[in-house]
Amino acid sequence: MNEPLLLKGIDFTSPVTIRIIAKGTVEKRYSEYMSGMDITHDISSDHIPYTSLEGEVPDLAALIGVLNTLYDMHFPLISVRVSGKSSQ
């Protein structure tokens, strides 16, 4: 079975930086619930608001926690990018 593309080559034994883009406006006051990530807002070319969340998470559990929080708040994900130390 293949590894999920999102996690391929990422070593979660040390903190990694993530950038999540979600449709809608996540209020900045929720940063604490999102592992302290920076929250910024913008509007797409077709006038749809979206939120960028960027920051460092200590492990895979923290990343999943952020994604679950966005899911629970009904924010559709547009993209998730993970960068960190390669395990290869």
N, C-alpha and C. Protein backbone atom coordinates (compact mmCIF):
# COMPACT_ATOMS: atom_id res chain seq x y z
N MET A 1 0.84 -1.17 0.00
CA MET A 1 0.00 0.00 0.00
C MET A 1 0.89 1.24 0.00
N ASN A 2 0.54 2.25 -0.79
CA ASN A 2 1.32 3.49 -0.87
C ASN A 2 1.01 4.40 0.31
N GLU A 3 2.03 5.20 0.70
CA GLU A 3 1.82 6.21 1.73
C GLU A 3 0.97 7.33 1.16
N PRO A 4 0.18 8.01 2.01
CA PRO A 4 -0.55 9.17 1.51
C PRO A 4 0.44 10.22 1.00
N LEU A 5 0.12 10.88 -0.10
CA LEU A 5 0.99 11.86 -0.71
C LEU A 5 1.36 12.98 0.26
N LEU A 6 0.41 13.40 1.08
CA LEU A 6 0.62 14.47 2.04
C LEU A 6 1.79 14.18 2.97
N LEU A 7 1.96 12.93 3.36
CA LEU A 7 2.95 12.58 4.37
C LEU A 7 4.22 11.98 3.80
N LYS A 8 4.26 11.75 2.52
CA LYS A 8 5.41 11.08 1.90
C LYS A 8 6.70 11.87 2.13
N GLY A 9 7.66 11.23 2.73
CA GLY A 9 8.97 11.83 2.93
C GLY A 9 9.07 12.83 4.07
N ILE A 10 8.02 13.00 4.85
CA ILE A 10 8.05 13.95 5.95
C ILE A 10 8.34 13.19 7.24
N ASP A 11 9.31 13.69 7.98
CA ASP A 11 9.72 13.08 9.23
C ASP A 11 9.04 13.82 10.38
N PHE A 12 8.07 13.20 11.02
CA PHE A 12 7.35 13.84 12.11
C PHE A 12 8.01 13.62 13.47
N THR A 13 9.30 13.27 13.48
CA THR A 13 9.99 13.16 14.76
C THR A 13 10.48 14.52 15.23
N SER A 14 10.35 15.53 14.37
CA SER A 14 10.67 16.91 14.74
C SER A 14 9.57 17.80 14.18
N PRO A 15 9.46 19.04 14.68
CA PRO A 15 8.40 19.92 14.20
C PRO A 15 8.46 20.15 12.69
N VAL A 16 7.29 20.32 12.09
CA VAL A 16 7.19 20.62 10.67
C VAL A 16 6.35 21.88 10.49
N THR A 17 6.54 22.55 9.37
CA THR A 17 5.76 23.74 9.04
C THR A 17 4.63 23.33 8.11
N ILE A 18 3.45 23.82 8.42
CA ILE A 18 2.30 23.53 7.57
C ILE A 18 1.66 24.82 7.09
N ARG A 19 1.03 24.74 5.93
CA ARG A 19 0.24 25.84 5.40
C ARG A 19 -1.06 25.24 4.89
N ILE A 20 -2.14 25.70 5.47
CA ILE A 20 -3.47 25.21 5.13
C ILE A 20 -4.26 26.37 4.54
N ILE A 21 -4.94 26.12 3.45
CA ILE A 21 -5.85 27.12 2.90
C ILE A 21 -7.25 26.52 2.97
N ALA A 22 -8.16 27.28 3.60
CA ALA A 22 -9.54 26.84 3.77
C ALA A 22 -10.48 27.88 3.20
N LYS A 23 -11.58 27.42 2.67
CA LYS A 23 -12.61 28.31 2.14
C LYS A 23 -13.36 28.93 3.32
N GLY A 24 -13.57 30.23 3.26
CA GLY A 24 -14.27 30.93 4.33
C GLY A 24 -13.31 31.75 5.17
N THR A 25 -13.82 32.34 6.22
CA THR A 25 -13.03 33.22 7.08
C THR A 25 -12.95 32.64 8.48
N VAL A 26 -11.79 32.10 8.82
CA VAL A 26 -11.53 31.62 10.18
C VAL A 26 -11.06 32.83 10.98
N GLU A 27 -11.76 33.14 12.04
CA GLU A 27 -11.39 34.31 12.84
C GLU A 27 -10.03 34.12 13.50
N LYS A 28 -9.27 35.23 13.56
CA LYS A 28 -7.92 35.18 14.12
C LYS A 28 -7.91 34.75 15.58
N ARG A 29 -9.00 34.96 16.28
CA ARG A 29 -9.06 34.58 17.69
C ARG A 29 -8.98 33.06 17.89
N TYR A 30 -9.16 32.29 16.81
CA TYR A 30 -9.08 30.83 16.91
C TYR A 30 -7.65 30.31 16.73
N SER A 31 -6.69 31.19 16.61
CA SER A 31 -5.30 30.77 16.43
C SER A 31 -4.85 29.81 17.52
N GLU A 32 -5.27 30.05 18.75
CA GLU A 32 -4.89 29.19 19.88
C GLU A 32 -5.36 27.74 19.66
N TYR A 33 -6.53 27.58 19.05
CA TYR A 33 -7.06 26.25 18.78
C TYR A 33 -6.40 25.60 17.57
N MET A 34 -5.61 26.38 16.83
CA MET A 34 -4.95 25.89 15.62
C MET A 34 -3.44 25.83 15.84
N SER A 35 -3.02 25.37 16.99
CA SER A 35 -1.59 25.25 17.35
C SER A 35 -0.84 26.57 17.25
N GLY A 36 -1.53 27.68 17.46
CA GLY A 36 -0.89 29.00 17.45
C GLY A 36 -0.49 29.47 16.07
N MET A 37 -1.09 28.91 15.03
CA MET A 37 -0.72 29.28 13.66
C MET A 37 -1.15 30.71 13.34
N ASP A 38 -0.41 31.33 12.42
CA ASP A 38 -0.76 32.64 11.91
C ASP A 38 -1.96 32.48 10.98
N ILE A 39 -2.95 33.35 11.14
CA ILE A 39 -4.16 33.29 10.34
C ILE A 39 -4.28 34.57 9.54
N THR A 40 -4.37 34.43 8.21
CA THR A 40 -4.55 35.59 7.34
C THR A 40 -5.74 35.33 6.41
N HIS A 41 -6.32 36.42 5.94
CA HIS A 41 -7.51 36.32 5.08
C HIS A 41 -7.25 36.97 3.73
N ASP A 42 -7.94 36.48 2.73
CA ASP A 42 -7.87 37.06 1.40
C ASP A 42 -9.15 36.70 0.66
N ILE A 43 -9.28 37.23 -0.55
CA ILE A 43 -10.44 36.94 -1.40
C ILE A 43 -9.92 36.49 -2.74
N SER A 44 -10.47 35.39 -3.25
CA SER A 44 -10.04 34.84 -4.54
C SER A 44 -10.51 35.74 -5.68
N SER A 45 -10.02 35.44 -6.87
CA SER A 45 -10.38 36.23 -8.05
C SER A 45 -11.88 36.15 -8.36
N ASP A 46 -12.53 35.09 -7.90
CA ASP A 46 -13.98 34.99 -8.10
C ASP A 46 -14.76 35.42 -6.85
N HIS A 47 -14.11 36.27 -6.01
CA HIS A 47 -14.73 36.94 -4.87
C HIS A 47 -15.17 36.00 -3.75
N ILE A 48 -14.47 34.89 -3.58
CA ILE A 48 -14.75 33.95 -2.50
C ILE A 48 -13.69 34.14 -1.40
N PRO A 49 -14.12 34.39 -0.16
CA PRO A 49 -13.13 34.56 0.92
C PRO A 49 -12.46 33.23 1.28
N TYR A 50 -11.18 33.33 1.63
CA TYR A 50 -10.47 32.15 2.11
C TYR A 50 -9.48 32.55 3.18
N THR A 51 -9.07 31.57 3.95
CA THR A 51 -8.15 31.78 5.06
C THR A 51 -6.91 30.94 4.86
N SER A 52 -5.75 31.55 5.13
CA SER A 52 -4.48 30.82 5.14
C SER A 52 -4.05 30.68 6.59
N LEU A 53 -3.70 29.47 6.97
CA LEU A 53 -3.17 29.19 8.30
C LEU A 53 -1.77 28.64 8.11
N GLU A 54 -0.81 29.27 8.76
CA GLU A 54 0.58 28.84 8.58
C GLU A 54 1.30 28.84 9.91
N GLY A 55 2.07 27.78 10.13
CA GLY A 55 2.84 27.70 11.35
C GLY A 55 3.47 26.34 11.52
N GLU A 56 4.10 26.19 12.67
CA GLU A 56 4.82 24.95 12.96
C GLU A 56 3.98 24.09 13.90
N VAL A 57 3.95 22.80 13.60
CA VAL A 57 3.29 21.85 14.51
C VAL A 57 4.35 20.85 14.99
N PRO A 58 4.24 20.43 16.24
CA PRO A 58 5.28 19.57 16.80
C PRO A 58 5.25 18.13 16.29
N ASP A 59 4.07 17.67 15.87
CA ASP A 59 3.97 16.27 15.47
C ASP A 59 2.71 16.05 14.64
N LEU A 60 2.55 14.82 14.19
CA LEU A 60 1.41 14.46 13.35
C LEU A 60 0.09 14.63 14.10
N ALA A 61 0.07 14.33 15.37
CA ALA A 61 -1.16 14.48 16.16
C ALA A 61 -1.64 15.92 16.16
N ALA A 62 -0.71 16.87 16.27
CA ALA A 62 -1.08 18.29 16.25
C ALA A 62 -1.64 18.69 14.89
N LEU A 63 -1.04 18.19 13.81
CA LEU A 63 -1.56 18.48 12.47
C LEU A 63 -2.97 17.93 12.33
N ILE A 64 -3.19 16.70 12.75
CA ILE A 64 -4.52 16.11 12.67
C ILE A 64 -5.51 16.89 13.54
N GLY A 65 -5.06 17.37 14.67
CA GLY A 65 -5.91 18.19 15.53
C GLY A 65 -6.38 19.46 14.84
N VAL A 66 -5.46 20.13 14.14
CA VAL A 66 -5.82 21.35 13.40
C VAL A 66 -6.81 21.02 12.30
N LEU A 67 -6.55 19.96 11.55
CA LEU A 67 -7.45 19.57 10.46
C LEU A 67 -8.82 19.18 11.00
N ASN A 68 -8.87 18.48 12.12
CA ASN A 68 -10.16 18.12 12.72
C ASN A 68 -10.92 19.34 13.21
N THR A 69 -10.20 20.31 13.76
CA THR A 69 -10.85 21.54 14.21
C THR A 69 -11.49 22.27 13.04
N LEU A 70 -10.77 22.39 11.93
CA LEU A 70 -11.34 23.03 10.75
C LEU A 70 -12.56 22.25 10.25
N TYR A 71 -12.48 20.93 10.27
CA TYR A 71 -13.60 20.10 9.86
C TYR A 71 -14.81 20.34 10.76
N ASP A 72 -14.57 20.33 12.08
CA ASP A 72 -15.66 20.54 13.04
C ASP A 72 -16.30 21.92 12.88
N MET A 73 -15.52 22.90 12.42
CA MET A 73 -16.03 24.26 12.22
C MET A 73 -16.63 24.44 10.82
N HIS A 74 -16.65 23.37 10.03
CA HIS A 74 -17.26 23.37 8.69
C HIS A 74 -16.54 24.26 7.68
N PHE A 75 -15.21 24.27 7.73
CA PHE A 75 -14.41 25.01 6.75
C PHE A 75 -13.84 24.01 5.74
N PRO A 76 -14.29 24.06 4.48
CA PRO A 76 -13.74 23.15 3.47
C PRO A 76 -12.27 23.47 3.20
N LEU A 77 -11.45 22.43 3.09
CA LEU A 77 -10.04 22.62 2.80
C LEU A 77 -9.83 22.80 1.31
N ILE A 78 -8.96 23.74 0.97
CA ILE A 78 -8.56 23.94 -0.42
C ILE A 78 -7.22 23.25 -0.65
N SER A 79 -6.28 23.42 0.30
CA SER A 79 -4.99 22.77 0.18
C SER A 79 -4.32 22.64 1.55
N VAL A 80 -3.41 21.65 1.62
CA VAL A 80 -2.58 21.45 2.81
C VAL A 80 -1.17 21.18 2.31
N ARG A 81 -0.23 21.97 2.77
CA ARG A 81 1.18 21.76 2.41
C ARG A 81 1.97 21.54 3.67
N VAL A 82 2.78 20.52 3.65
CA VAL A 82 3.63 20.17 4.79
C VAL A 82 5.07 20.25 4.33
N SER A 83 5.87 20.97 5.09
CA SER A 83 7.30 21.00 4.78
C SER A 83 8.07 20.75 6.07
N GLY A 84 9.10 20.04 5.96
CA GLY A 84 9.89 19.71 7.15
C GLY A 84 11.09 18.88 6.75
N LYS A 85 11.69 18.28 7.74
CA LYS A 85 12.87 17.46 7.51
C LYS A 85 12.46 16.20 6.77
N SER A 86 13.18 15.85 5.71
CA SER A 86 12.89 14.65 4.95
C SER A 86 13.37 13.43 5.71
N SER A 87 12.58 12.36 5.63
CA SER A 87 12.97 11.12 6.30
C SER A 87 13.86 10.26 5.44
N GLN A 88 14.20 10.72 4.24
CA GLN A 88 15.02 9.92 3.33
C GLN A 88 16.44 10.41 3.31
